[in-house]
């Protein structure tokens, strides 16, 4: 009877250890060993330096790049045997193996970036690639802010416009032109007003002359159906 119980206990222990192999992740404590990490050591037994080394592994693909743009190869992704190396200050370091160039970059805590893949041999530069991408994106944003979008503003006037309304429309056009926008001046003729197109043309010509300080004629007054219009361009900074 005792032998039967001992054999039963032995079979239970065998099943228990087999379950540990199949399901290695168990709560810590109680004498149960945590699942080993990728390097074969238990996760809790990793030293601080080993954790830092794992966190600071070098990347081999570019970060923050647009999928439509040509991908820049860096570090281990550079698959050529020999490269011409340039340091961060632009000084040439000569031709060497890509492994040696990568070691030089890692010694300086930087990245090896392939900048001229078509050259013979290809040219690589040692730089901080993350910082380079950040500064490039910053420059692109600043350049985009400085770019001025030219809009076409429209002002409607009549050939019978009074002096006050004329000055209001003229000041509005000057404001648009000073902001770098184009201005389209439109005059509509209704019914019998079509017989006064010459008067309307004179009003548009006067309007153009009164904006000569901030604009120039892009399209002279043209009649299209019942509408007569012209376009005034803003003066460039050089012209001012």
Protein backbone atom coordinates (compact mmCIF):
# COMPACT_ATOMS: atom_id res chain seq x y z
CA UNK A 1 0.00 0.00 0.00
CA UNK A 2 2.87 2.37 0.87
CA UNK A 3 4.58 1.60 -2.39
CA UNK A 4 1.39 2.47 -4.30
CA UNK A 5 1.14 5.82 -2.54
CA UNK A 6 4.83 6.60 -3.24
CA UNK A 7 4.33 5.77 -6.91
CA UNK A 8 1.24 7.99 -6.99
CA UNK A 9 3.13 10.90 -5.44
CA UNK A 10 5.99 10.43 -7.91
CA UNK A 11 3.59 10.53 -10.87
CA UNK A 12 1.96 13.70 -9.50
CA UNK A 13 5.34 15.38 -9.16
CA UNK A 14 6.19 14.40 -12.75
CA UNK A 15 2.93 15.90 -14.04
CA UNK A 16 3.62 19.07 -12.04
CA UNK A 17 7.10 19.59 -13.53
CA UNK A 18 5.81 18.88 -17.03
CA UNK A 19 3.19 21.59 -16.54
CA UNK A 20 5.99 23.99 -15.58
CA UNK A 21 7.70 23.36 -18.92
CA UNK A 22 4.49 23.88 -20.86
CA UNK A 23 3.39 26.99 -18.94
CA UNK A 24 6.56 28.69 -17.65
CA UNK A 25 4.94 31.98 -16.60
CA UNK A 26 3.83 31.84 -12.98
CA UNK A 27 3.53 34.46 -10.22
CA UNK A 28 6.74 35.18 -8.36
CA UNK A 29 7.15 33.90 -4.84
CA UNK A 30 6.42 30.61 -3.18
CA UNK A 31 9.61 29.13 -4.58
CA UNK A 32 8.36 29.21 -8.16
CA UNK A 33 11.03 30.39 -10.64
CA UNK A 34 10.02 33.22 -12.99
CA UNK A 35 10.11 32.67 -16.73
CA UNK A 36 13.57 33.22 -18.22
CA UNK A 37 14.24 36.34 -20.27
CA UNK A 38 15.51 36.36 -23.86
CA UNK A 39 19.12 36.02 -22.70
CA UNK A 40 18.35 32.91 -20.63
CA UNK A 41 18.29 34.68 -17.25
CA UNK A 42 15.15 35.13 -15.12
CA UNK A 43 13.57 38.56 -15.59
CA UNK A 44 14.05 39.55 -11.93
CA UNK A 45 17.74 38.60 -11.98
CA UNK A 46 18.73 41.06 -14.72
CA UNK A 47 21.19 43.64 -13.47
CA UNK A 48 20.60 47.35 -13.92
CA UNK A 49 23.33 47.57 -16.58
CA UNK A 50 21.84 44.68 -18.53
CA UNK A 51 18.42 46.34 -18.53
CA UNK A 52 19.95 49.61 -19.71
CA UNK A 53 21.82 47.80 -22.47
CA UNK A 54 18.61 46.18 -23.65
CA UNK A 55 16.81 49.52 -23.63
CA UNK A 56 19.58 51.28 -25.54
CA UNK A 57 19.97 48.81 -28.41
CA UNK A 58 20.90 50.56 -31.65
CA UNK A 59 18.24 50.98 -34.27
CA UNK A 60 18.92 49.83 -37.81
CA UNK A 61 16.03 51.56 -39.60
CA UNK A 62 15.23 55.28 -39.85
CA UNK A 63 12.67 56.83 -37.52
CA UNK A 64 10.00 59.39 -38.33
CA UNK A 65 10.33 59.09 -42.12
CA UNK A 66 7.57 59.36 -44.64
CA UNK A 67 6.71 56.09 -46.39
CA UNK A 68 6.59 57.91 -49.74
CA UNK A 69 10.17 59.15 -49.33
CA UNK A 70 13.25 57.10 -50.13
CA UNK A 71 14.25 55.22 -46.99
CA UNK A 72 17.63 56.14 -45.55
CA UNK A 73 19.73 53.17 -44.45
CA UNK A 74 21.53 53.45 -41.13
CA UNK A 75 23.70 51.26 -38.89
CA UNK A 76 23.21 47.48 -39.39
CA UNK A 77 20.85 48.04 -42.33
CA UNK A 78 23.80 49.21 -44.47
CA UNK A 79 24.58 46.04 -46.40
CA UNK A 80 27.70 47.09 -48.32
CA UNK A 81 31.17 45.73 -47.63
CA UNK A 82 33.25 48.94 -47.88
CA UNK A 83 32.22 52.56 -47.38
CA UNK A 84 33.82 55.98 -47.43
CA UNK A 85 33.30 57.53 -44.01
CA UNK A 86 32.84 61.19 -43.04
CA UNK A 87 32.69 62.24 -39.40
CA UNK A 88 30.11 64.51 -37.77
CA UNK A 89 32.20 67.61 -38.57
CA UNK A 90 32.45 66.68 -42.26
CA UNK A 91 36.07 65.54 -42.11
CA UNK A 92 36.88 62.46 -44.26
CA UNK A 93 38.04 59.36 -42.39
CA UNK A 94 38.88 57.29 -45.46
CA UNK A 95 37.63 54.00 -46.89
CA UNK A 96 37.01 51.14 -44.49
CA UNK A 97 34.73 48.19 -43.94
CA UNK A 98 31.18 48.93 -42.90
CA UNK A 99 31.76 46.96 -39.70
CA UNK A 100 34.72 49.15 -38.75
CA UNK A 101 32.75 52.30 -39.62
CA UNK A 102 29.86 51.10 -37.48
CA UNK A 103 32.24 50.49 -34.58
CA UNK A 104 33.57 54.05 -34.88
CA UNK A 105 30.01 55.40 -34.84
CA UNK A 106 29.07 53.34 -31.79
CA UNK A 107 32.21 54.41 -29.95
CA UNK A 108 31.05 58.01 -30.35
CA UNK A 109 27.49 57.08 -29.33
CA UNK A 110 26.22 58.06 -32.80
CA UNK A 111 24.74 56.44 -35.90
CA UNK A 112 26.23 55.50 -39.26
CA UNK A 113 24.03 56.98 -42.01
CA UNK A 114 24.28 56.16 -45.72
CA UNK A 115 24.15 59.55 -47.46
CA UNK A 116 25.41 58.71 -50.98
CA UNK A 117 24.49 55.14 -51.94
CA UNK A 118 25.26 55.70 -55.66
CA UNK A 119 28.91 56.67 -55.05
CA UNK A 120 31.78 54.22 -55.46
CA UNK A 121 32.30 53.28 -52.71
CA UNK A 122 29.10 54.48 -50.99
CA UNK A 123 29.53 57.40 -48.59
CA UNK A 124 28.44 57.18 -44.97
CA UNK A 125 28.40 59.88 -42.33
CA UNK A 126 28.68 59.51 -38.58
CA UNK A 127 25.94 61.56 -36.94
CA UNK A 128 23.17 61.56 -34.36
CA UNK A 129 20.38 60.44 -36.68
CA UNK A 130 17.56 61.07 -34.21
CA UNK A 131 18.72 64.65 -33.67
CA UNK A 132 19.17 65.10 -37.43
CA UNK A 133 15.58 64.00 -38.14
CA UNK A 134 14.22 66.26 -35.39
CA UNK A 135 16.08 69.33 -36.70
CA UNK A 136 15.04 68.53 -40.29
CA UNK A 137 11.36 68.34 -39.33
CA UNK A 138 11.72 71.57 -37.36
CA UNK A 139 13.23 73.37 -40.36
CA UNK A 140 10.47 72.08 -42.63
CA UNK A 141 7.78 73.34 -40.25
CA UNK A 142 9.42 76.77 -40.03
CA UNK A 143 9.72 76.95 -43.83
CA UNK A 144 6.06 75.98 -44.18
CA UNK A 145 5.05 78.76 -41.79
CA UNK A 146 7.01 81.31 -43.83
CA UNK A 147 5.37 80.22 -47.05
CA UNK A 148 2.63 82.66 -47.94
CA UNK A 149 -0.56 81.33 -49.47
CA UNK A 150 -1.84 83.68 -52.15
CA UNK A 151 -5.62 83.97 -52.19
CA UNK A 152 -7.88 85.63 -54.72
CA UNK A 153 -10.13 88.14 -52.97
CA UNK A 154 -13.16 89.51 -54.75
CA UNK A 155 -14.59 93.03 -54.45
CA UNK A 156 -17.84 94.05 -56.14
CA UNK A 157 -18.47 97.66 -57.13
CA UNK A 158 -20.93 99.55 -59.30
CA UNK A 159 -20.32 102.26 -61.90
CA UNK A 160 -22.72 104.43 -59.85
CA UNK A 161 -20.82 103.89 -56.58
CA UNK A 162 -20.68 106.95 -54.33
CA UNK A 163 -17.49 108.44 -52.91
CA UNK A 164 -17.80 106.93 -49.42
CA UNK A 165 -18.43 103.39 -50.67
CA UNK A 166 -15.64 103.81 -53.21
CA UNK A 167 -13.13 104.73 -50.48
CA UNK A 168 -14.30 101.78 -48.36
CA UNK A 169 -13.81 99.33 -51.25
CA UNK A 170 -10.46 100.89 -52.11
CA UNK A 171 -9.14 100.57 -48.56
CA UNK A 172 -10.30 96.96 -48.46
CA UNK A 173 -8.46 96.22 -51.72
CA UNK A 174 -5.30 97.89 -50.42
CA UNK A 175 -5.45 95.77 -47.29
CA UNK A 176 -5.76 92.57 -49.32
CA UNK A 177 -2.89 93.55 -51.61
CA UNK A 178 -0.66 94.53 -48.68
CA UNK A 179 -1.25 91.06 -47.22
CA UNK A 180 0.03 89.47 -50.43
CA UNK A 181 -3.33 88.44 -51.90
CA UNK A 182 -4.71 89.04 -55.37
CA UNK A 183 -7.81 91.14 -55.81
CA UNK A 184 -10.51 90.60 -58.45
CA UNK A 185 -12.72 93.66 -58.93
CA UNK A 186 -16.12 92.81 -60.42
CA UNK A 187 -18.75 95.17 -61.81
CA UNK A 188 -22.22 93.88 -62.71
CA UNK A 189 -24.53 95.60 -65.22
CA UNK A 190 -28.30 95.15 -64.92
CA UNK A 191 -30.78 95.77 -67.72
CA UNK A 192 -30.26 99.20 -69.29
CA UNK A 193 -26.98 99.61 -67.40
CA UNK A 194 -25.34 97.74 -70.28
CA UNK A 195 -25.37 101.03 -72.19
CA UNK A 196 -23.02 102.56 -69.58
CA UNK A 197 -20.13 100.09 -69.95
CA UNK A 198 -17.77 102.93 -70.86
CA UNK A 199 -18.48 104.60 -67.51
CA UNK A 200 -17.92 101.31 -65.75
CA UNK A 201 -14.57 100.85 -67.47
CA UNK A 202 -13.51 104.33 -66.37
CA UNK A 203 -14.37 103.48 -62.75
CA UNK A 204 -12.28 100.29 -62.91
CA UNK A 205 -9.36 102.16 -64.48
CA UNK A 206 -9.53 104.75 -61.69
CA UNK A 207 -9.68 101.96 -59.09
CA UNK A 208 -6.56 100.40 -60.59
CA UNK A 209 -4.72 103.72 -60.58
CA UNK A 210 -5.60 104.33 -56.93
CA UNK A 211 -4.01 100.97 -55.93
CA UNK A 212 -0.75 101.43 -57.86
CA UNK A 213 1.25 101.79 -54.59
CA UNK A 214 0.42 98.24 -53.47
CA UNK A 215 -0.63 96.46 -56.66
CA UNK A 216 -0.19 96.12 -60.38
CA UNK A 217 -2.56 95.12 -63.15
CA UNK A 218 -2.61 91.40 -63.88
CA UNK A 219 -5.71 91.32 -66.06
CA UNK A 220 -7.16 94.47 -67.59
CA UNK A 221 -10.94 95.11 -67.45
CA UNK A 222 -12.70 92.48 -69.56
CA UNK A 223 -16.42 92.17 -70.28
CA UNK A 224 -17.90 88.69 -69.83
CA UNK A 225 -21.66 88.73 -70.35
CA UNK A 226 -23.04 91.24 -67.87
CA UNK A 227 -19.88 91.27 -65.78
CA UNK A 228 -16.79 93.42 -66.24
CA UNK A 229 -13.82 92.43 -64.13
CA UNK A 230 -10.09 92.92 -63.66
CA UNK A 231 -7.41 91.30 -61.49
CA UNK A 232 -4.80 93.20 -59.48
CA UNK A 233 -1.60 91.50 -58.32
CA UNK A 234 0.20 92.46 -55.11
CA UNK A 235 3.59 94.10 -55.54
CA UNK A 236 6.57 91.94 -54.62
CA UNK A 237 8.86 92.91 -51.75
CA UNK A 238 11.54 93.90 -54.24
CA UNK A 239 9.14 96.17 -56.08
CA UNK A 240 8.20 97.82 -52.82
